[in-house]
Amino acid sequence: MDNNEMIQVPQFMVCTNLNTLINRIYPGIGNPRVQDDQYFLECIIFCPRNDKVHNINKAILQQFNLVPNAEVYMLRSVDSVSEENGMYHAYPAEFLQQLNSSGLPPALLCLKVGCLVILLKNLDPEEGLCNGTRMVVLYHKWPLTNL
């Protein structure tokens, strides 16, 4: 293909806004009767940049309604600074909470019961808990256990 050729995208594949994209990929996302435990396992939205992923995830979470009036749980990757040998680490928790780098979970993770989560590292390969494994949040228990 040379520089003058253009690829024609079929009209049925064109989405003009984020809500249209979400509703085409996940029809009935706001209706709990439409969703089952396999709902998110067959379709996924890929993005080239993490900031776009976070925006899409936020929009999906607002529409997602598997459990009516389910609470959104916000989990921070860092919520305190530990002390070692009587000294605090050089970076305050507020600074660390602003970092969102590739390959790491977001500094602020928002979840609802029924949401899809994807593992970012191998926890227990023999049990199938490997990087890229998709799972569904069944319930929220506080405090969370450190892995």
Protein backbone atom coordinates (compact mmCIF):
# COMPACT_ATOMS: atom_id res chain seq x y z
CA MET A 1 0.00 0.00 0.00
CA ASP A 2 1.43 3.42 -0.89
CA ASN A 3 0.93 6.70 0.97
CA ASN A 4 -2.01 7.78 -1.21
CA GLU A 5 -4.21 4.78 -0.45
CA MET A 6 -6.80 5.01 2.29
CA ILE A 7 -8.55 2.28 4.20
CA GLN A 8 -12.33 2.51 4.09
CA VAL A 9 -13.92 1.67 7.46
CA PRO A 10 -17.45 0.27 7.12
CA GLN A 11 -20.06 2.62 8.58
CA PHE A 12 -21.37 -0.01 11.02
CA MET A 13 -17.90 -0.03 12.66
CA VAL A 14 -17.78 3.75 13.20
CA CYS A 15 -18.52 5.09 16.69
CA THR A 16 -18.79 8.82 17.15
CA ASN A 17 -18.64 8.89 20.96
CA LEU A 18 -17.60 6.77 23.93
CA ASN A 19 -21.13 5.79 25.01
CA THR A 20 -21.88 4.45 21.52
CA LEU A 21 -18.70 2.36 21.64
CA ILE A 22 -19.52 0.98 25.09
CA ASN A 23 -23.10 0.12 24.10
CA ARG A 24 -21.97 -1.64 20.91
CA ILE A 25 -19.35 -3.74 22.69
CA TYR A 26 -21.40 -4.34 25.87
CA PRO A 27 -25.10 -4.07 24.92
CA GLY A 28 -27.38 -3.85 27.96
CA ILE A 29 -24.57 -2.94 30.36
CA GLY A 30 -26.97 -0.97 32.54
CA ASN A 31 -29.51 -3.80 32.76
CA PRO A 32 -28.67 -6.48 35.35
CA ARG A 33 -31.06 -8.99 33.72
CA VAL A 34 -28.98 -8.95 30.51
CA GLN A 35 -25.67 -9.72 32.21
CA ASP A 36 -24.40 -13.07 33.39
CA ASP A 37 -21.04 -14.27 34.68
CA GLN A 38 -19.73 -14.57 31.09
CA TYR A 39 -20.80 -11.06 30.06
CA PHE A 40 -17.33 -9.46 29.95
CA LEU A 41 -15.38 -12.56 29.00
CA GLU A 42 -16.09 -12.52 25.27
CA CYS A 43 -15.54 -8.86 24.33
CA ILE A 44 -12.89 -6.36 25.33
CA ILE A 45 -11.90 -2.84 24.32
CA PHE A 46 -8.19 -2.34 23.57
CA CYS A 47 -6.53 1.08 23.80
CA PRO A 48 -3.03 2.23 22.96
CA ARG A 49 -2.64 4.48 26.02
CA ASN A 50 -3.36 4.02 29.73
CA ASP A 51 -5.05 7.42 30.10
CA LYS A 52 -7.63 6.34 27.48
CA VAL A 53 -8.12 3.01 29.27
CA HIS A 54 -8.82 4.83 32.55
CA ASN A 55 -11.38 7.12 30.87
CA ILE A 56 -13.17 4.17 29.25
CA ASN A 57 -13.12 2.15 32.48
CA LYS A 58 -14.62 5.09 34.37
CA ALA A 59 -17.43 5.47 31.81
CA ILE A 60 -18.15 1.70 31.84
CA LEU A 61 -18.21 1.63 35.65
CA GLN A 62 -20.81 4.43 35.69
CA GLN A 63 -23.09 2.43 33.38
CA PHE A 64 -22.38 -0.98 34.90
CA ASN A 65 -25.27 -2.16 37.04
CA LEU A 66 -25.02 -5.93 37.66
CA VAL A 67 -26.00 -5.41 41.29
CA PRO A 68 -28.53 -2.54 41.51
CA ASN A 69 -27.17 0.42 43.50
CA ALA A 70 -23.84 -1.36 44.02
CA GLU A 71 -21.28 0.75 45.81
CA VAL A 72 -18.11 1.77 44.00
CA TYR A 73 -15.05 0.75 46.01
CA MET A 74 -12.02 2.98 45.59
CA LEU A 75 -8.73 1.30 46.44
CA ARG A 76 -5.46 3.23 46.55
CA SER A 77 -2.16 1.59 45.71
CA VAL A 78 -0.50 3.69 48.44
CA ASP A 79 -2.42 5.13 51.36
CA SER A 80 0.37 5.54 53.91
CA VAL A 81 4.11 5.88 54.11
CA SER A 82 5.93 3.21 56.09
CA GLU A 83 8.73 3.86 58.52
CA GLU A 84 11.94 1.84 58.48
CA ASN A 85 14.67 2.19 61.10
CA GLY A 86 13.06 5.35 62.47
CA MET A 87 13.09 7.11 59.06
CA TYR A 88 10.26 7.78 56.62
CA HIS A 89 10.70 7.10 52.92
CA ALA A 90 11.64 10.14 50.83
CA TYR A 91 8.36 10.29 48.89
CA PRO A 92 5.06 11.25 50.53
CA ALA A 93 1.98 9.05 49.91
CA GLU A 94 0.26 11.91 48.02
CA PHE A 95 3.06 11.93 45.43
CA LEU A 96 3.04 8.15 45.04
CA GLN A 97 -0.75 8.18 44.55
CA GLN A 98 -0.34 10.36 41.44
CA LEU A 99 1.93 7.87 39.66
CA ASN A 100 0.35 5.73 36.96
CA SER A 101 2.97 3.89 34.96
CA SER A 102 2.65 1.14 32.39
CA GLY A 103 2.64 -2.38 33.77
CA LEU A 104 1.43 -1.32 37.21
CA PRO A 105 -2.13 -1.13 38.49
CA PRO A 106 -3.58 2.38 38.62
CA ALA A 107 -2.90 4.43 41.75
CA LEU A 108 -6.67 4.57 42.30
CA LEU A 109 -8.61 1.43 41.38
CA CYS A 110 -12.41 1.72 41.32
CA LEU A 111 -14.43 -1.51 41.43
CA LYS A 112 -18.02 -2.70 41.75
CA VAL A 113 -19.27 -6.19 42.46
CA GLY A 114 -19.53 -7.97 39.10
CA CYS A 115 -16.72 -6.00 37.42
CA LEU A 116 -14.07 -7.69 35.35
CA VAL A 117 -10.48 -7.56 36.64
CA ILE A 118 -7.34 -8.69 34.84
CA LEU A 119 -4.24 -9.89 36.69
CA LEU A 120 -1.08 -7.93 35.88
CA LYS A 121 1.39 -10.44 37.32
CA ASN A 122 1.75 -14.15 37.96
CA LEU A 123 0.37 -14.87 41.44
CA ASP A 124 0.07 -18.64 41.29
CA PRO A 125 0.56 -20.10 37.78
CA GLU A 126 -0.09 -23.68 38.97
CA GLU A 127 -3.59 -22.58 40.07
CA GLY A 128 -4.18 -20.57 36.88
CA LEU A 129 -3.55 -17.14 38.43
CA CYS A 130 -1.29 -15.79 35.66
CA ASN A 131 -0.64 -12.45 34.00
CA GLY A 132 -3.66 -11.68 31.79
CA THR A 133 -6.14 -13.93 33.62
CA ARG A 134 -9.61 -12.37 33.62
CA MET A 135 -11.81 -12.72 36.69
CA VAL A 136 -15.02 -11.21 38.06
CA VAL A 137 -15.33 -9.42 41.43
CA LEU A 138 -17.85 -11.48 43.42
CA TYR A 139 -17.88 -9.53 46.68
CA HIS A 140 -15.91 -6.95 48.62
CA LYS A 141 -14.41 -7.77 51.99
CA TRP A 142 -12.59 -5.19 54.05
CA PRO A 143 -9.77 -5.12 54.94
CA LEU A 144 -8.25 -6.65 51.84
CA THR A 145 -5.52 -9.24 52.29
CA ASN A 146 -2.04 -8.33 51.08
CA LEU A 147 -0.79 -10.68 48.40
